[in-house]
PDB file of N, CA and C in Angstrom:
ATOM      1  N   MET A   1     160.351  79.106  48.500  1.00  0.00           N
ATOM      2  CA  MET A   1     159.550  79.923  49.400  1.00  0.00           C
ATOM      3  C   MET A   1     158.074  79.780  49.001  1.00  0.00           C
ATOM      4  N   THR A   2     157.223  79.582  49.985  1.00  0.00           N
ATOM      5  CA  THR A   2     155.801  79.400  49.702  1.00  0.00           C
ATOM      6  C   THR A   2     155.155  80.730  49.314  1.00  0.00           C
ATOM      7  N   ARG A   3     154.015  80.621  48.664  1.00  0.00           N
ATOM      8  CA  ARG A   3     153.277  81.824  48.249  1.00  0.00           C
ATOM      9  C   ARG A   3     152.888  82.658  49.472  1.00  0.00           C
ATOM     10  N   ARG A   4     152.441  81.988  50.532  1.00  0.00           N
ATOM     11  CA  ARG A   4     152.036  82.700  51.751  1.00  0.00           C
ATOM     12  C   ARG A   4     153.211  83.492  52.335  1.00  0.00           C
ATOM     13  N   ARG A   5     154.376  82.873  52.353  1.00  0.00           N
ATOM     14  CA  ARG A   5     155.577  83.546  52.889  1.00  0.00           C
ATOM     15  C   ARG A   5     155.948  84.744  52.007  1.00  0.00           C
ATOM     16  N   ARG A   6     155.864  84.582  50.690  1.00  0.00           N
ATOM     17  CA  ARG A   6     156.184  85.694  49.785  1.00  0.00           C
ATOM     18  C   ARG A   6     155.227  86.862  49.981  1.00  0.00           C
ATOM     19  N   ILE A   7     153.935  86.552  50.141  1.00  0.00           N
ATOM     20  CA  ILE A   7     152.950  87.616  50.375  1.00  0.00           C
ATOM     21  C   ILE A   7     153.248  88.312  51.695  1.00  0.00           C
ATOM     22  N   GLY A   8     153.571  87.538  52.726  1.00  0.00           N
ATOM     23  CA  GLY A   8     153.921  88.121  54.025  1.00  0.00           C
ATOM     24  C   GLY A   8     155.132  89.034  53.935  1.00  0.00           C
ATOM     25  N   LYS A   9     156.145  88.622  53.187  1.00  0.00           N
ATOM     26  CA  LYS A   9     157.342  89.461  53.013  1.00  0.00           C
ATOM     27  C   LYS A   9     157.012  90.738  52.238  1.00  0.00           C
ATOM     28  N   TRP A  10     156.132  90.614  51.247  1.00  0.00           N
ATOM     29  CA  TRP A  10     155.733  91.788  50.462  1.00  0.00           C
ATOM     30  C   TRP A  10     154.993  92.786  51.348  1.00  0.00           C
ATOM     31  N   ILE A  11     154.048  92.289  52.157  1.00  0.00           N
ATOM     32  CA  ILE A  11     153.310  93.176  53.064  1.00  0.00           C
ATOM     33  C   ILE A  11     154.267  93.805  54.068  1.00  0.00           C
ATOM     34  N   ALA A  12     155.183  93.014  54.614  1.00  0.00           N
ATOM     35  CA  ALA A  12     156.156  93.547  55.571  1.00  0.00           C
ATOM     36  C   ALA A  12     156.993  94.647  54.938  1.00  0.00           C
ATOM     37  N   TRP A  13     157.334  94.487  53.675  1.00  0.00           N
ATOM     38  CA  TRP A  13     158.107  95.520  52.980  1.00  0.00           C
ATOM     39  C   TRP A  13     157.292  96.811  52.860  1.00  0.00           C
ATOM     40  N   ILE A  14     155.993  96.682  52.556  1.00  0.00           N
ATOM     41  CA  ILE A  14     155.138  97.858  52.396  1.00  0.00           C
ATOM     42  C   ILE A  14     154.924  98.578  53.723  1.00  0.00           C
ATOM     43  N   VAL A  15     154.607  97.834  54.780  1.00  0.00           N
ATOM     44  CA  VAL A  15     154.240  98.464  56.052  1.00  0.00           C
ATOM     45  C   VAL A  15     155.412  98.617  57.009  1.00  0.00           C
ATOM     46  N   GLY A  16     156.559  98.036  56.690  1.00  0.00           N
ATOM     47  CA  GLY A  16     157.745  98.231  57.509  1.00  0.00           C
ATOM     48  C   GLY A  16     157.856  97.307  58.711  1.00  0.00           C
ATOM     49  N   SER A  17     157.080  96.235  58.762  1.00  0.00           N
ATOM     50  CA  SER A  17     157.156  95.298  59.881  1.00  0.00           C
ATOM     51  C   SER A  17     156.708  93.922  59.413  1.00  0.00           C
ATOM     52  N   ASP A  18     157.353  92.888  59.961  1.00  0.00           N
ATOM     53  CA  ASP A  18     156.924  91.534  59.608  1.00  0.00           C
ATOM     54  C   ASP A  18     155.982  90.940  60.649  1.00  0.00           C
ATOM     55  N   LYS A  19     155.573  91.750  61.647  1.00  0.00           N
ATOM     56  CA  LYS A  19     154.615  91.292  62.656  1.00  0.00           C
ATOM     57  C   LYS A  19     153.214  91.778  62.286  1.00  0.00           C
ATOM     58  N   PRO A  20     152.288  90.860  61.984  1.00  0.00           N
ATOM     59  CA  PRO A  20     150.931  91.282  61.606  1.00  0.00           C
ATOM     60  C   PRO A  20     150.254  92.182  62.634  1.00  0.00           C
ATOM     61  N   SER A  21     150.602  92.057  63.914  1.00  0.00           N
ATOM     62  CA  SER A  21     149.985  92.920  64.932  1.00  0.00           C
ATOM     63  C   SER A  21     150.372  94.386  64.743  1.00  0.00           C
ATOM     64  N   ASP A  22     151.453  94.649  64.010  1.00  0.00           N
ATOM     65  CA  ASP A  22     151.877  96.031  63.732  1.00  0.00           C
ATOM     66  C   ASP A  22     151.221  96.604  62.485  1.00  0.00           C
ATOM     67  N   TRP A  23     150.586  95.763  61.689  1.00  0.00           N
ATOM     68  CA  TRP A  23     150.001  96.216  60.432  1.00  0.00           C
ATOM     69  C   TRP A  23     148.725  96.988  60.713  1.00  0.00           C
ATOM     70  N   LYS A  24     148.632  98.202  60.224  1.00  0.00           N
ATOM     71  CA  LYS A  24     147.455  99.053  60.399  1.00  0.00           C
ATOM     72  C   LYS A  24     146.878  99.373  59.026  1.00  0.00           C
ATOM     73  N   TRP A  25     145.576  99.155  58.876  1.00  0.00           N
ATOM     74  CA  TRP A  25     144.890  99.406  57.611  1.00  0.00           C
ATOM     75  C   TRP A  25     145.152 100.826  57.126  1.00  0.00           C
ATOM     76  N   GLY A  26     145.049 101.790  58.020  1.00  0.00           N
ATOM     77  CA  GLY A  26     145.196 103.192  57.655  1.00  0.00           C
ATOM     78  C   GLY A  26     146.607 103.613  57.291  1.00  0.00           C
ATOM     79  N   ASP A  27     147.613 102.798  57.646  1.00  0.00           N
ATOM     80  CA  ASP A  27     148.979 103.128  57.239  1.00  0.00           C
ATOM     81  C   ASP A  27     149.134 103.009  55.729  1.00  0.00           C
ATOM     82  N   TYR A  28     148.351 102.131  55.117  1.00  0.00           N
ATOM     83  CA  TYR A  28     148.432 101.939  53.669  1.00  0.00           C
ATOM     84  C   TYR A  28     147.299 102.643  52.936  1.00  0.00           C
ATOM     85  N   HIS A  29     146.106 102.662  53.530  1.00  0.00           N
ATOM     86  CA  HIS A  29     144.931 103.263  52.898  1.00  0.00           C
ATOM     87  C   HIS A  29     144.752 104.680  53.431  1.00  0.00           C
ATOM     88  N   GLN A  30     145.019 105.654  52.586  1.00  0.00           N
ATOM     89  CA  GLN A  30     145.024 107.047  53.006  1.00  0.00           C
ATOM     90  C   GLN A  30     144.110 107.881  52.117  1.00  0.00           C
ATOM     91  N   LEU A  31     143.433 108.818  52.770  1.00  0.00           N
ATOM     92  CA  LEU A  31     142.552 109.740  52.054  1.00  0.00           C
ATOM     93  C   LEU A  31     143.307 111.038  51.810  1.00  0.00           C
ATOM     94  N   THR A  32     143.285 111.506  50.576  1.00  0.00           N
ATOM     95  CA  THR A  32     143.943 112.769  50.249  1.00  0.00           C
ATOM     96  C   THR A  32     142.915 113.748  49.690  1.00  0.00           C
ATOM     97  N   PHE A  33     143.128 115.000  50.004  1.00  0.00           N
ATOM     98  CA  PHE A  33     142.301 116.073  49.457  1.00  0.00           C
ATOM     99  C   PHE A  33     143.225 116.978  48.652  1.00  0.00           C
ATOM    100  N   ASP A  34     143.116 116.924  47.343  1.00  0.00           N
ATOM    101  CA  ASP A  34     143.970 117.749  46.495  1.00  0.00           C
ATOM    102  C   ASP A  34     143.332 119.115  46.280  1.00  0.00           C
ATOM    103  N   HIS A  35     144.117 120.148  46.532  1.00  0.00           N
ATOM    104  CA  HIS A  35     143.659 121.515  46.301  1.00  0.00           C
ATOM    105  C   HIS A  35     143.502 121.725  44.793  1.00  0.00           C
ATOM    106  N   PRO A  36     142.494 122.491  44.363  1.00  0.00           N
ATOM    107  CA  PRO A  36     142.293 122.708  42.923  1.00  0.00           C
ATOM    108  C   PRO A  36     143.517 123.285  42.204  1.00  0.00           C
ATOM    109  N   LEU A  37     144.321 124.079  42.877  1.00  0.00           N
ATOM    110  CA  LEU A  37     145.503 124.665  42.234  1.00  0.00           C
ATOM    111  C   LEU A  37     146.737 123.771  42.300  1.00  0.00           C
ATOM    112  N   SER A  38     146.641 122.630  42.983  1.00  0.00           N
ATOM    113  CA  SER A  38     147.824 121.787  43.154  1.00  0.00           C
ATOM    114  C   SER A  38     148.303 121.174  41.841  1.00  0.00           C
ATOM    115  N   GLY A  39     147.425 121.053  40.858  1.00  0.00           N
ATOM    116  CA  GLY A  39     147.823 120.503  39.567  1.00  0.00           C
ATOM    117  C   GLY A  39     148.619 121.476  38.717  1.00  0.00           C
ATOM    118  N   ALA A  40     148.628 122.748  39.093  1.00  0.00           N
ATOM    119  CA  ALA A  40     149.331 123.756  38.303  1.00  0.00           C
ATOM    120  C   ALA A  40     150.839 123.683  38.486  1.00  0.00           C
ATOM    121  N   SER A  41     151.282 123.226  39.653  1.00  0.00           N
ATOM    122  CA  SER A  41     152.707 123.208  39.936  1.00  0.00           C
ATOM    123  C   SER A  41     152.982 122.294  41.127  1.00  0.00           C
ATOM    124  N   PRO A  42     154.100 121.558  41.109  1.00  0.00           N
ATOM    125  CA  PRO A  42     154.464 120.756  42.276  1.00  0.00           C
ATOM    126  C   PRO A  42     154.674 121.623  43.525  1.00  0.00           C
ATOM    127  N   ILE A  43     155.086 122.850  43.322  1.00  0.00           N
ATOM    128  CA  ILE A  43     155.267 123.767  44.463  1.00  0.00           C
ATOM    129  C   ILE A  43     153.917 124.081  45.087  1.00  0.00           C
ATOM    130  N   PHE A  44     152.912 124.362  44.258  1.00  0.00           N
ATOM    131  CA  PHE A  44     151.561 124.599  44.780  1.00  0.00           C
ATOM    132  C   PHE A  44     151.063 123.360  45.524  1.00  0.00           C
ATOM    133  N   ALA A  45     151.285 122.191  44.933  1.00  0.00           N
ATOM    134  CA  ALA A  45     150.835 120.945  45.566  1.00  0.00           C
ATOM    135  C   ALA A  45     151.476 120.778  46.938  1.00  0.00           C
ATOM    136  N   TYR A  46     152.761 121.068  47.039  1.00  0.00           N
ATOM    137  CA  TYR A  46     153.479 120.916  48.307  1.00  0.00           C
ATOM    138  C   TYR A  46     152.889 121.813  49.393  1.00  0.00           C
ATOM    139  N   PHE A  47     152.597 123.052  49.042  1.00  0.00           N
ATOM    140  CA  PHE A  47     152.125 124.005  50.047  1.00  0.00           C
ATOM    141  C   PHE A  47     150.612 123.982  50.262  1.00  0.00           C
ATOM    142  N   LEU A  48     149.828 123.605  49.263  1.00  0.00           N
ATOM    143  CA  LEU A  48     148.375 123.718  49.369  1.00  0.00           C
ATOM    144  C   LEU A  48     147.659 122.421  49.740  1.00  0.00           C
ATOM    145  N   ASN A  49     148.234 121.272  49.403  1.00  0.00           N
ATOM    146  CA  ASN A  49     147.564 120.007  49.712  1.00  0.00           C
ATOM    147  C   ASN A  49     147.795 119.626  51.172  1.00  0.00           C
ATOM    148  N   PRO A  50     146.714 119.314  51.902  1.00  0.00           N
ATOM    149  CA  PRO A  50     146.916 118.824  53.271  1.00  0.00           C
ATOM    150  C   PRO A  50     147.532 117.427  53.250  1.00  0.00           C
ATOM    151  N   LYS A  51     148.091 117.020  54.374  1.00  0.00           N
ATOM    152  CA  LYS A  51     148.693 115.691  54.472  1.00  0.00           C
ATOM    153  C   LYS A  51     147.605 114.611  54.353  1.00  0.00           C
ATOM    154  N   PRO A  52     147.954 113.429  53.826  1.00  0.00           N
ATOM    155  CA  PRO A  52     146.982 112.330  53.743  1.00  0.00           C
ATOM    156  C   PRO A  52     146.491 111.914  55.132  1.00  0.00           C
ATOM    157  N   VAL A  53     145.245 111.452  55.198  1.00  0.00           N
ATOM    158  CA  VAL A  53     144.624 111.040  56.455  1.00  0.00           C
ATOM    159  C   VAL A  53     144.437 109.521  56.436  1.00  0.00           C
ATOM    160  N   PRO A  54     144.967 108.802  57.452  1.00  0.00           N
ATOM    161  CA  PRO A  54     144.723 107.354  57.514  1.00  0.00           C
ATOM    162  C   PRO A  54     143.236 107.074  57.707  1.00  0.00           C
ATOM    163  N   ILE A  55     142.716 106.096  56.987  1.00  0.00           N
ATOM    164  CA  ILE A  55     141.292 105.772  57.038  1.00  0.00           C
ATOM    165  C   ILE A  55     141.118 104.298  57.399  1.00  0.00           C
ATOM    166  N   GLY A  56     140.179 104.032  58.294  1.00  0.00           N
ATOM    167  CA  GLY A  56     139.815 102.657  58.608  1.00  0.00           C
ATOM    168  C   GLY A  56     138.728 102.198  57.648  1.00  0.00           C
ATOM    169  N   GLY A  57     138.347 100.954  57.744  1.00  0.00           N
ATOM    170  CA  GLY A  57     137.286 100.443  56.885  1.00  0.00           C
ATOM    171  C   GLY A  57     137.840  99.756  55.659  1.00  0.00           C
ATOM    172  N   SER A  58     136.958  99.101  54.954  1.00  0.00           N
ATOM    173  CA  SER A  58     137.328  98.416  53.717  1.00  0.00           C
ATOM    174  C   SER A  58     136.123  98.468  52.792  1.00  0.00           C
ATOM    175  N   ASN A  59     136.189  97.759  51.700  1.00  0.00           N
ATOM    176  CA  ASN A  59     135.045  97.777  50.792  1.00  0.00           C
ATOM    177  C   ASN A  59     133.897  96.894  51.274  1.00  0.00           C
ATOM    178  N   ILE A  60     134.067  96.180  52.399  1.00  0.00           N
ATOM    179  CA  ILE A  60     132.998  95.330  52.929  1.00  0.00           C
ATOM    180  C   ILE A  60     132.665  95.635  54.384  1.00  0.00           C
ATOM    181  N   SER A  61     133.125  96.755  54.916  1.00  0.00           N
ATOM    182  CA  SER A  61     132.864  97.096  56.312  1.00  0.00           C
ATOM    183  C   SER A  61     131.820  98.200  56.409  1.00  0.00           C
ATOM    184  N   VAL A  62     131.426  98.501  57.644  1.00  0.00           N
ATOM    185  CA  VAL A  62     130.450  99.568  57.855  1.00  0.00           C
ATOM    186  C   VAL A  62     130.993 100.892  57.334  1.00  0.00           C
ATOM    187  N   GLN A  63     132.266 101.148  57.567  1.00  0.00           N
ATOM    188  CA  GLN A  63     132.889 102.374  57.069  1.00  0.00           C
ATOM    189  C   GLN A  63     133.478 102.082  55.688  1.00  0.00           C
ATOM    190  N   ALA A  64     132.613 101.735  54.759  1.00  0.00           N
ATOM    191  CA  ALA A  64     133.046 101.270  53.446  1.00  0.00           C
ATOM    192  C   ALA A  64     133.715 102.380  52.642  1.00  0.00           C
ATOM    193  N   VAL A  65     134.858 102.041  52.075  1.00  0.00           N
ATOM    194  CA  VAL A  65     135.577 102.941  51.176  1.00  0.00           C
ATOM    195  C   VAL A  65     136.125 102.106  50.023  1.00  0.00           C
ATOM    196  N   GLY A  66     136.370 102.750  48.917  1.00  0.00           N
ATOM    197  CA  GLY A  66     137.021 102.104  47.792  1.00  0.00           C
ATOM    198  C   GLY A  66     138.418 102.676  47.653  1.00  0.00           C
ATOM    199  N   PHE A  67     139.335 101.881  47.148  1.00  0.00           N
ATOM    200  CA  PHE A  67     140.715 102.346  47.068  1.00  0.00           C
ATOM    201  C   PHE A  67     141.383 101.825  45.808  1.00  0.00           C
ATOM    202  N   THR A  68     142.462 102.493  45.432  1.00  0.00           N
ATOM    203  CA  THR A  68     143.238 102.121  44.254  1.00  0.00           C
ATOM    204  C   THR A  68     144.339 101.150  44.661  1.00  0.00           C
ATOM    205  N   GLU A  69     145.101 100.659  43.685  1.00  0.00           N
ATOM    206  CA  GLU A  69     146.184  99.716  43.971  1.00  0.00           C
ATOM    207  C   GLU A  69     147.239 100.290  44.898  1.00  0.00           C
ATOM    208  N   ASP A  70     147.468 101.597  44.829  1.00  0.00           N
ATOM    209  CA  ASP A  70     148.492 102.189  45.692  1.00  0.00           C
ATOM    210  C   ASP A  70     147.953 102.543  47.079  1.00  0.00           C
ATOM    211  N   GLY A  71     146.701 102.169  47.379  1.00  0.00           N
ATOM    212  CA  GLY A  71     146.131 102.398  48.699  1.00  0.00           C
ATOM    213  C   GLY A  71     145.394 103.708  48.856  1.00  0.00           C
ATOM    214  N   SER A  72     145.392 104.547  47.836  1.00  0.00           N
ATOM    215  CA  SER A  72     144.696 105.831  47.918  1.00  0.00           C
ATOM    216  C   SER A  72     143.187 105.608  47.896  1.00  0.00           C
ATOM    217  N   ILE A  73     142.485 106.271  48.799  1.00  0.00           N
ATOM    218  CA  ILE A  73     141.028 106.180  48.842  1.00  0.00           C
ATOM    219  C   ILE A  73     140.475 106.969  47.664  1.00  0.00           C
ATOM    220  N   ASP A  74     139.596 106.350  46.880  1.00  0.00           N
ATOM    221  CA  ASP A  74     139.032 107.082  45.745  1.00  0.00           C
ATOM    222  C   ASP A  74     137.519 107.283  45.840  1.00  0.00           C
ATOM    223  N   HIS A  75     136.851 106.630  46.788  1.00  0.00           N
ATOM    224  CA  HIS A  75     135.434 106.921  47.019  1.00  0.00           C
ATOM    225  C   HIS A  75     134.974 106.285  48.336  1.00  0.00           C
ATOM    226  N   GLY A  76     133.893 106.823  48.863  1.00  0.00           N
ATOM    227  CA  GLY A  76     133.318 106.294  50.099  1.00  0.00           C
ATOM    228  C   GLY A  76     132.049 107.047  50.441  1.00  0.00           C
ATOM    229  N   ALA A  77     131.304 106.500  51.372  1.00  0.00           N
ATOM    230  CA  ALA A  77     130.051 107.134  51.785  1.00  0.00           C
ATOM    231  C   ALA A  77     130.339 108.381  52.617  1.00  0.00           C
ATOM    232  N   SER A  78     129.576 109.441  52.387  1.00  0.00           N
ATOM    233  CA  SER A  78     129.766 110.654  53.181  1.00  0.00           C
ATOM    234  C   SER A  78     128.894 110.638  54.430  1.00  0.00           C
ATOM    235  N   TRP A  79     127.859 109.801  54.450  1.00  0.00           N
ATOM    236  CA  TRP A  79     126.982 109.710  55.616  1.00  0.00           C
ATOM    237  C   TRP A  79     126.610 108.260  55.824  1.00  0.00           C
ATOM    238  N   ARG A  80     126.699 107.809  57.067  1.00  0.00           N
ATOM    239  CA  ARG A  80     126.350 106.426  57.399  1.00  0.00           C
ATOM    240  C   ARG A  80     125.328 106.433  58.519  1.00  0.00           C
ATOM    241  N   PHE A  81     124.383 105.499  58.461  1.00  0.00           N
ATOM    242  CA  PHE A  81     123.314 105.416  59.450  1.00  0.00           C
ATOM    243  C   PHE A  81     123.094 103.955  59.799  1.00  0.00           C
ATOM    244  N   VAL A  82     123.152 103.633  61.088  1.00  0.00           N
ATOM    245  CA  VAL A  82     122.948 102.270  61.559  1.00  0.00           C
ATOM    246  C   VAL A  82     121.849 102.299  62.605  1.00  0.00           C
ATOM    247  N   ALA A  83     120.832 101.450  62.438  1.00  0.00           N
ATOM    248  CA  ALA A  83     119.713 101.450  63.379  1.00  0.00           C
ATOM    249  C   ALA A  83     119.198 100.041  63.604  1.00  0.00           C
ATOM    250  N   ASP A  84     118.854  99.774  64.855  1.00  0.00           N
ATOM    251  CA  ASP A  84     118.120  98.565  65.204  1.00  0.00           C
ATOM    252  C   ASP A  84     116.652  98.932  65.078  1.00  0.00           C
ATOM    253  N   LEU A  85     115.951  98.351  64.139  1.00  0.00           N
ATOM    254  CA  LEU A  85     114.571  98.756  63.873  1.00  0.00           C
ATOM    255  C   LEU A  85     113.617  98.428  65.017  1.00  0.00           C
ATOM    256  N   GLN A  86     114.057  97.611  65.966  1.00  0.00           N
ATOM    257  CA  GLN A  86     113.234  97.347  67.145  1.00  0.00           C
ATOM    258  C   GLN A  86     113.491  98.358  68.253  1.00  0.00           C
ATOM    259  N   ASP A  87     114.568  99.131  68.143  1.00  0.00           N
ATOM    260  CA  ASP A  87     114.895 100.145  69.150  1.00  0.00           C
ATOM    261  C   ASP A  87     115.531 101.345  68.449  1.00  0.00           C
ATOM    262  N   LEU A  88     114.723 102.174  67.846  1.00  0.00           N
ATOM    263  CA  LEU A  88     115.240 103.310  67.075  1.00  0.00           C
ATOM    264  C   LEU A  88     115.955 104.338  67.941  1.00  0.00           C
ATOM    265  N   SER A  89     115.730 104.317  69.249  1.00  0.00           N
ATOM    266  CA  SER A  89     116.425 105.275  70.116  1.00  0.00           C
ATOM    267  C   SER A  89     117.919 104.963  70.211  1.00  0.00           C
ATOM    268  N   SER A  90     118.332 103.780  69.782  1.00  0.00           N
ATOM    269  CA  SER A  90     119.751 103.425  69.819  1.00  0.00           C
ATOM    270  C   SER A  90     120.433 103.628  68.462  1.00  0.00           C
ATOM    271  N   ALA A  91     119.768 104.298  67.541  1.00  0.00           N
ATOM    272  CA  ALA A  91     120.332 104.521  66.203  1.00  0.00           C
ATOM    273  C   ALA A  91     121.544 105.449  66.278  1.00  0.00           C
ATOM    274  N   HIS A  92     122.467 105.249  65.364  1.00  0.00           N
ATOM    275  CA  HIS A  92     123.685 106.066  65.297  1.00  0.00           C
ATOM    276  C   HIS A  92     123.895 106.519  63.860  1.00  0.00           C
ATOM    277  N   HIS A  93     124.496 107.681  63.715  1.00  0.00           N
ATOM    278  CA  HIS A  93     124.884 108.132  62.382  1.00  0.00           C
ATOM    279  C   HIS A  93     126.202 108.872  62.482  1.00  0.00           C
ATOM    280  N   ILE A  94     126.891 108.947  61.359  1.00  0.00           N
ATOM    281  CA  ILE A  94     128.177 109.629  61.301  1.00  0.00           C
ATOM    282  C   ILE A  94     128.303 110.308  59.941  1.00  0.00           C
ATOM    283  N   VAL A  95     128.860 111.487  59.957  1.00  0.00           N
ATOM    284  CA  VAL A  95     129.240 112.163  58.720  1.00  0.00           C
ATOM    285  C   VAL A  95     130.743 111.959  58.607  1.00  0.00           C
ATOM    286  N   GLY A  96     131.153 111.104  57.669  1.00  0.00           N
ATOM    287  CA  GLY A  96     132.559 110.748  57.539  1.00  0.00           C
ATOM    288  C   GLY A  96     133.382 111.859  56.924  1.00  0.00           C
ATOM    289  N   ILE A  97     134.663 111.580  56.854  1.00  0.00           N
ATOM    290  CA  ILE A  97     135.604 112.553  56.292  1.00  0.00           C
ATOM    291  C   ILE A  97     135.374 112.669  54.815  1.00  0.00           C
TER     292      ILE A  97
END
């Protein structure tokens, strides 16, 4: 089996599909917000932590985020600003999650 085929099978195992068109970045890369009391008990974590949020972007995109090996988002920009300096009226900004 070629390396490319093995990588494809590994990705398919992670995302649950062998069709690349079904692969979604956010299905693997998720942002979690842990409640301060969630570390005290697994029961607290279950009830107090919100569900993970799928996130788009990568470490080289406009919506840049950093992630760990397991796909958990561990850092990213809280504010993004994009402007065409020849037409500032078309500038956009976003306050991310």
